[in-house]
């Protein structure tokens, strides 16, 4: 983030926001780099990705971060499963 701080006036607060697959990235970033941001916002994160592996591992991961400070907002709509077309695309990449 040094480049952002060099170019723009900033505060000590750092946040990240994403929707759908970018929302999944937000949740994974929270688990993988919990001190990088203090605010995470994930709108309709694609938690179904990779057979919902991130969702299944969330409890264990969060237990390993007892001193975590920050805010997480997750905007979840009605449960959706990916279309057959999306599932095919994900398997071929």
N, C-alpha and C. Protein backbone atom coordinates (compact mmCIF):
# COMPACT_ATOMS: atom_id res chain seq x y z
N UNK A 1 0.79 -1.19 0.00
CA UNK A 1 0.00 0.00 0.00
C UNK A 1 0.84 1.27 0.00
N UNK A 2 2.15 1.16 0.00
CA UNK A 2 2.96 2.38 -0.01
C UNK A 2 2.68 3.29 -1.20
N UNK A 3 2.39 2.73 -2.35
CA UNK A 3 2.12 3.55 -3.53
C UNK A 3 0.84 4.36 -3.34
N UNK A 4 -0.17 3.75 -2.78
CA UNK A 4 -1.43 4.47 -2.52
C UNK A 4 -1.19 5.59 -1.52
N UNK A 5 -0.43 5.29 -0.47
CA UNK A 5 -0.15 6.31 0.54
C UNK A 5 0.72 7.44 -0.01
N UNK A 6 1.56 7.13 -0.98
CA UNK A 6 2.39 8.15 -1.60
C UNK A 6 1.56 9.09 -2.48
N UNK A 7 0.62 8.52 -3.21
CA UNK A 7 -0.16 9.30 -4.17
C UNK A 7 -1.36 10.03 -3.57
N UNK A 8 -1.94 9.47 -2.51
CA UNK A 8 -3.20 10.01 -1.99
C UNK A 8 -3.10 10.31 -0.50
N UNK A 9 -3.93 11.21 -0.06
CA UNK A 9 -4.04 11.48 1.37
C UNK A 9 -4.80 10.31 1.98
N UNK A 10 -4.27 9.69 2.99
CA UNK A 10 -4.90 8.51 3.60
C UNK A 10 -5.02 8.68 5.11
N UNK A 11 -5.78 7.78 5.71
CA UNK A 11 -5.87 7.70 7.16
C UNK A 11 -5.25 6.37 7.57
N UNK A 12 -5.28 6.05 8.81
CA UNK A 12 -4.74 4.78 9.27
C UNK A 12 -5.66 3.60 9.01
N UNK A 13 -6.86 3.87 8.53
CA UNK A 13 -7.84 2.82 8.28
C UNK A 13 -7.63 2.22 6.89
N UNK A 14 -7.78 0.89 6.80
CA UNK A 14 -7.65 0.20 5.51
C UNK A 14 -8.82 -0.75 5.33
N UNK A 15 -9.47 -0.64 4.18
CA UNK A 15 -10.63 -1.50 3.91
C UNK A 15 -10.59 -2.04 2.50
N UNK A 16 -11.37 -3.07 2.29
CA UNK A 16 -11.47 -3.71 0.98
C UNK A 16 -12.91 -4.15 0.78
N UNK A 17 -13.38 -4.09 -0.46
CA UNK A 17 -14.77 -4.42 -0.76
C UNK A 17 -14.82 -5.22 -2.05
N UNK A 18 -15.73 -6.18 -2.13
CA UNK A 18 -15.89 -6.96 -3.35
C UNK A 18 -17.24 -7.64 -3.40
N UNK A 19 -17.64 -8.05 -4.60
CA UNK A 19 -18.94 -8.69 -4.81
C UNK A 19 -18.75 -9.95 -5.65
N UNK A 20 -19.52 -10.97 -5.34
CA UNK A 20 -19.50 -12.25 -6.05
C UNK A 20 -18.14 -12.92 -5.90
N UNK A 21 -17.44 -13.21 -6.99
CA UNK A 21 -16.12 -13.84 -6.85
C UNK A 21 -15.13 -12.92 -6.15
N UNK A 22 -15.26 -11.61 -6.37
CA UNK A 22 -14.42 -10.67 -5.63
C UNK A 22 -14.78 -10.70 -4.14
N UNK A 23 -16.04 -10.96 -3.83
CA UNK A 23 -16.45 -11.12 -2.44
C UNK A 23 -15.82 -12.34 -1.80
N UNK A 24 -15.70 -13.40 -2.57
CA UNK A 24 -15.00 -14.60 -2.10
C UNK A 24 -13.55 -14.25 -1.80
N UNK A 25 -12.93 -13.46 -2.68
CA UNK A 25 -11.56 -13.00 -2.47
C UNK A 25 -11.44 -12.22 -1.16
N UNK A 26 -12.45 -11.41 -0.85
CA UNK A 26 -12.44 -10.63 0.39
C UNK A 26 -12.42 -11.56 1.60
N UNK A 27 -13.28 -12.56 1.60
CA UNK A 27 -13.35 -13.50 2.72
C UNK A 27 -12.03 -14.27 2.85
N UNK A 28 -11.49 -14.72 1.73
CA UNK A 28 -10.22 -15.45 1.78
C UNK A 28 -9.09 -14.55 2.25
N UNK A 29 -9.10 -13.28 1.84
CA UNK A 29 -8.08 -12.34 2.30
C UNK A 29 -8.16 -12.16 3.81
N UNK A 30 -9.36 -12.10 4.35
CA UNK A 30 -9.51 -12.02 5.80
C UNK A 30 -8.83 -13.20 6.48
N UNK A 31 -9.03 -14.39 5.95
CA UNK A 31 -8.43 -15.59 6.55
C UNK A 31 -6.92 -15.67 6.33
N UNK A 32 -6.46 -15.28 5.16
CA UNK A 32 -5.05 -15.45 4.80
C UNK A 32 -4.16 -14.30 5.27
N UNK A 33 -4.67 -13.08 5.26
CA UNK A 33 -3.89 -11.89 5.64
C UNK A 33 -4.72 -11.01 6.58
N UNK A 34 -5.03 -11.50 7.77
CA UNK A 34 -5.98 -10.79 8.64
C UNK A 34 -5.53 -9.42 9.13
N UNK A 35 -4.25 -9.11 9.04
CA UNK A 35 -3.79 -7.80 9.50
C UNK A 35 -3.64 -6.79 8.36
N UNK A 36 -3.89 -7.21 7.14
CA UNK A 36 -3.73 -6.32 5.98
C UNK A 36 -4.77 -5.21 5.97
N UNK A 37 -6.00 -5.51 6.40
CA UNK A 37 -7.09 -4.54 6.42
C UNK A 37 -7.74 -4.55 7.80
N UNK A 38 -8.49 -3.49 8.10
CA UNK A 38 -9.27 -3.50 9.34
C UNK A 38 -10.77 -3.52 9.05
N UNK A 39 -11.13 -3.43 7.77
CA UNK A 39 -12.53 -3.51 7.36
C UNK A 39 -12.62 -4.35 6.08
N UNK A 40 -13.49 -5.34 6.11
CA UNK A 40 -13.72 -6.20 4.95
C UNK A 40 -15.21 -6.15 4.64
N UNK A 41 -15.57 -5.92 3.38
CA UNK A 41 -16.98 -5.90 2.98
C UNK A 41 -17.13 -6.85 1.80
N UNK A 42 -17.97 -7.85 1.96
CA UNK A 42 -18.19 -8.86 0.91
C UNK A 42 -19.68 -8.93 0.60
N UNK A 43 -20.04 -8.50 -0.61
CA UNK A 43 -21.43 -8.58 -1.05
C UNK A 43 -21.62 -9.86 -1.84
N UNK A 44 -22.55 -10.67 -1.40
CA UNK A 44 -22.88 -11.90 -2.09
C UNK A 44 -21.65 -12.69 -2.51
N UNK A 45 -20.76 -13.00 -1.55
CA UNK A 45 -19.54 -13.73 -1.91
C UNK A 45 -19.87 -15.12 -2.45
N UNK A 46 -19.14 -15.55 -3.44
CA UNK A 46 -19.37 -16.86 -4.08
C UNK A 46 -18.81 -17.97 -3.20
N UNK A 47 -19.44 -18.17 -2.04
CA UNK A 47 -18.94 -19.16 -1.08
C UNK A 47 -19.12 -20.59 -1.57
N UNK A 48 -19.84 -20.79 -2.64
CA UNK A 48 -20.02 -22.12 -3.23
C UNK A 48 -18.75 -22.59 -3.95
N UNK A 49 -17.87 -21.66 -4.28
CA UNK A 49 -16.66 -21.96 -5.05
C UNK A 49 -15.85 -23.08 -4.39
N UNK A 50 -15.28 -23.93 -5.19
CA UNK A 50 -14.42 -25.02 -4.72
C UNK A 50 -15.17 -25.92 -3.73
N UNK A 51 -16.42 -26.21 -4.09
CA UNK A 51 -17.26 -27.07 -3.26
C UNK A 51 -17.40 -26.53 -1.83
N UNK A 52 -17.49 -25.20 -1.71
CA UNK A 52 -17.69 -24.50 -0.43
C UNK A 52 -16.57 -24.75 0.58
N UNK A 53 -15.35 -24.98 0.09
CA UNK A 53 -14.22 -25.28 0.97
C UNK A 53 -13.95 -24.14 1.97
N UNK A 54 -14.05 -22.91 1.54
CA UNK A 54 -13.79 -21.79 2.42
C UNK A 54 -14.82 -21.73 3.55
N UNK A 55 -16.07 -21.99 3.22
CA UNK A 55 -17.12 -22.01 4.22
C UNK A 55 -16.90 -23.13 5.23
N UNK A 56 -16.54 -24.30 4.73
CA UNK A 56 -16.33 -25.44 5.63
C UNK A 56 -15.14 -25.23 6.58
N UNK A 57 -14.15 -24.48 6.15
CA UNK A 57 -12.96 -24.28 6.99
C UNK A 57 -13.05 -23.02 7.85
N UNK A 58 -14.12 -22.25 7.73
CA UNK A 58 -14.22 -20.96 8.41
C UNK A 58 -14.12 -21.08 9.93
N UNK A 59 -14.81 -22.02 10.52
CA UNK A 59 -14.79 -22.15 11.98
C UNK A 59 -13.40 -22.37 12.54
N UNK A 60 -12.67 -23.28 11.94
CA UNK A 60 -11.30 -23.58 12.39
C UNK A 60 -10.40 -22.37 12.17
N UNK A 61 -10.55 -21.74 11.02
CA UNK A 61 -9.71 -20.57 10.73
C UNK A 61 -9.97 -19.44 11.72
N UNK A 62 -11.23 -19.17 12.02
CA UNK A 62 -11.57 -18.09 12.94
C UNK A 62 -11.11 -18.40 14.36
N UNK A 63 -11.15 -19.65 14.76
CA UNK A 63 -10.66 -20.01 16.09
C UNK A 63 -9.16 -19.75 16.21
N UNK A 64 -8.46 -19.80 15.10
CA UNK A 64 -7.03 -19.54 15.09
C UNK A 64 -6.68 -18.06 15.09
N UNK A 65 -7.70 -17.19 15.13
CA UNK A 65 -7.47 -15.74 15.13
C UNK A 65 -8.18 -15.09 16.32
N UNK A 66 -7.87 -15.49 17.55
CA UNK A 66 -8.62 -14.98 18.69
C UNK A 66 -8.44 -13.48 18.93
N UNK A 67 -7.32 -12.90 18.54
CA UNK A 67 -7.08 -11.48 18.80
C UNK A 67 -7.42 -10.58 17.62
N UNK A 68 -8.08 -11.13 16.61
CA UNK A 68 -8.39 -10.36 15.42
C UNK A 68 -9.29 -9.17 15.75
N UNK A 69 -8.88 -8.00 15.28
CA UNK A 69 -9.69 -6.80 15.46
C UNK A 69 -10.04 -6.26 14.09
N UNK A 70 -11.24 -5.81 13.93
CA UNK A 70 -11.68 -5.25 12.66
C UNK A 70 -13.16 -5.46 12.49
N UNK A 71 -13.64 -5.11 11.30
CA UNK A 71 -15.06 -5.25 10.99
C UNK A 71 -15.23 -6.01 9.70
N UNK A 72 -16.21 -6.90 9.69
CA UNK A 72 -16.53 -7.67 8.49
C UNK A 72 -18.02 -7.52 8.25
N UNK A 73 -18.37 -7.05 7.06
CA UNK A 73 -19.77 -6.97 6.66
C UNK A 73 -19.95 -7.92 5.49
N UNK A 74 -20.87 -8.84 5.63
CA UNK A 74 -21.18 -9.75 4.53
C UNK A 74 -22.64 -9.56 4.18
N UNK A 75 -22.88 -9.15 2.97
CA UNK A 75 -24.25 -9.00 2.48
C UNK A 75 -24.63 -10.25 1.72
N UNK A 76 -25.51 -11.04 2.29
CA UNK A 76 -25.90 -12.30 1.68
C UNK A 76 -27.34 -12.23 1.22
N UNK A 77 -27.56 -12.55 -0.02
CA UNK A 77 -28.92 -12.60 -0.56
C UNK A 77 -29.51 -13.99 -0.36
N UNK A 78 -30.49 -14.29 -1.14
CA UNK A 78 -31.07 -15.63 -1.03
C UNK A 78 -30.05 -16.65 -1.54
N UNK A 79 -30.03 -17.84 -0.96
CA UNK A 79 -29.07 -18.84 -1.40
C UNK A 79 -29.25 -19.16 -2.88
N UNK A 80 -28.15 -19.20 -3.58
CA UNK A 80 -28.18 -19.54 -5.00
C UNK A 80 -27.13 -20.59 -5.27
N UNK A 81 -27.44 -21.44 -6.15
CA UNK A 81 -26.42 -22.37 -6.62
C UNK A 81 -26.01 -21.90 -8.01
N UNK A 82 -24.77 -22.09 -8.35
CA UNK A 82 -24.32 -21.63 -9.66
C UNK A 82 -25.02 -22.39 -10.78
N UNK A 83 -25.17 -21.73 -11.89
CA UNK A 83 -25.81 -22.37 -13.04
C UNK A 83 -24.93 -23.50 -13.57
N UNK A 84 -25.51 -24.37 -14.36
CA UNK A 84 -24.74 -25.47 -14.96
C UNK A 84 -23.61 -24.90 -15.82
N UNK A 85 -23.88 -23.81 -16.50
CA UNK A 85 -22.85 -23.17 -17.34
C UNK A 85 -21.68 -22.69 -16.50
N UNK A 86 -21.97 -22.05 -15.37
CA UNK A 86 -20.90 -21.58 -14.48
C UNK A 86 -20.11 -22.75 -13.93
N UNK A 87 -20.79 -23.82 -13.52
CA UNK A 87 -20.08 -24.98 -12.98
C UNK A 87 -19.16 -25.59 -14.03
N UNK A 88 -19.62 -25.65 -15.28
CA UNK A 88 -18.76 -26.19 -16.36
C UNK A 88 -17.53 -25.31 -16.55
N UNK A 89 -17.71 -24.02 -16.55
CA UNK A 89 -16.58 -23.10 -16.72
C UNK A 89 -15.56 -23.27 -15.60
N UNK A 90 -16.05 -23.43 -14.40
CA UNK A 90 -15.14 -23.56 -13.25
C UNK A 90 -14.34 -24.84 -13.32
N UNK A 91 -14.91 -25.89 -13.85
CA UNK A 91 -14.20 -27.17 -13.95
C UNK A 91 -13.12 -27.15 -15.02
N UNK A 92 -13.30 -26.34 -16.04
CA UNK A 92 -12.37 -26.36 -17.15
C UNK A 92 -11.21 -25.39 -16.97
N UNK A 93 -11.17 -24.65 -15.90
CA UNK A 93 -10.08 -23.68 -15.69
C UNK A 93 -9.15 -24.09 -14.61
